[in-house]
Amino acid sequence: MMSGSHGLNVVLLNKLKRSFGFPDDYLIRILPKYTDMFMLVNHSGRRRSMGID
């Protein structure tokens, strides 16, 4: 799940979000509140490679 840049792949995290107690809209509701800790990135431009650094 961790990449070389120590980020989390969003597609894999979506599969585990219930285990972590995340709501369905965690990318919209939680990440913007903590921009000092999390950043949504997409280095390659493909949807499956989106990640949280």
Protein backbone atom coordinates (compact mmCIF):
# COMPACT_ATOMS: atom_id res chain seq x y z
CA MET A 1 0.00 0.00 0.00
CA MET A 2 2.89 2.38 0.62
CA SER A 3 4.66 3.60 -2.47
CA GLY A 4 8.26 4.62 -2.91
CA SER A 5 7.26 8.17 -1.95
CA HIS A 6 5.63 6.92 1.29
CA GLY A 7 2.15 7.70 -0.02
CA LEU A 8 -1.06 5.70 0.03
CA ASN A 9 -2.73 4.57 -3.18
CA VAL A 10 -6.32 5.88 -3.20
CA VAL A 11 -7.74 2.83 -5.01
CA LEU A 12 -6.35 0.49 -2.37
CA LEU A 13 -7.36 2.81 0.45
CA ASN A 14 -10.93 2.87 -0.87
CA LYS A 15 -11.08 -0.89 -0.43
CA LEU A 16 -10.02 -0.52 3.22
CA LYS A 17 -11.86 2.69 4.15
CA ARG A 18 -14.53 0.86 6.19
CA SER A 19 -11.85 -0.90 8.22
CA PHE A 20 -10.37 2.49 9.09
CA GLY A 21 -13.80 4.01 9.77
CA PHE A 22 -13.56 6.50 6.90
CA PRO A 23 -16.79 7.84 5.38
CA ASP A 24 -17.47 7.31 1.66
CA ASP A 25 -16.59 10.94 0.92
CA TYR A 26 -13.37 11.06 2.95
CA LEU A 27 -11.42 12.56 0.02
CA ILE A 28 -13.79 15.52 -0.08
CA ARG A 29 -14.71 15.85 3.58
CA ILE A 30 -11.56 14.95 5.54
CA LEU A 31 -8.50 15.64 3.36
CA PRO A 32 -9.22 19.36 2.76
CA LYS A 33 -9.40 19.94 6.53
CA TYR A 34 -5.86 18.60 7.01
CA THR A 35 -3.90 20.02 4.10
CA ASP A 36 -0.90 20.46 6.39
CA MET A 37 -0.79 16.67 6.83
CA PHE A 38 -2.23 15.18 3.61
CA MET A 39 -2.03 16.00 -0.07
CA LEU A 40 -3.86 14.27 -2.93
CA VAL A 41 -1.39 13.64 -5.75
CA ASN A 42 -1.47 12.13 -9.21
CA HIS A 43 2.02 11.95 -10.68
CA SER A 44 1.18 9.93 -13.80
CA GLY A 45 -2.23 11.36 -14.75
CA ARG A 46 -3.97 7.98 -14.45
CA ARG A 47 -6.90 7.60 -12.05
CA ARG A 48 -5.57 4.36 -10.58
CA SER A 49 -2.32 6.03 -9.62
CA MET A 50 -3.84 8.75 -7.44
CA GLY A 51 -2.36 8.79 -4.00
CA ILE A 52 -2.28 10.53 -0.67
CA ASP A 53 1.13 11.84 0.39
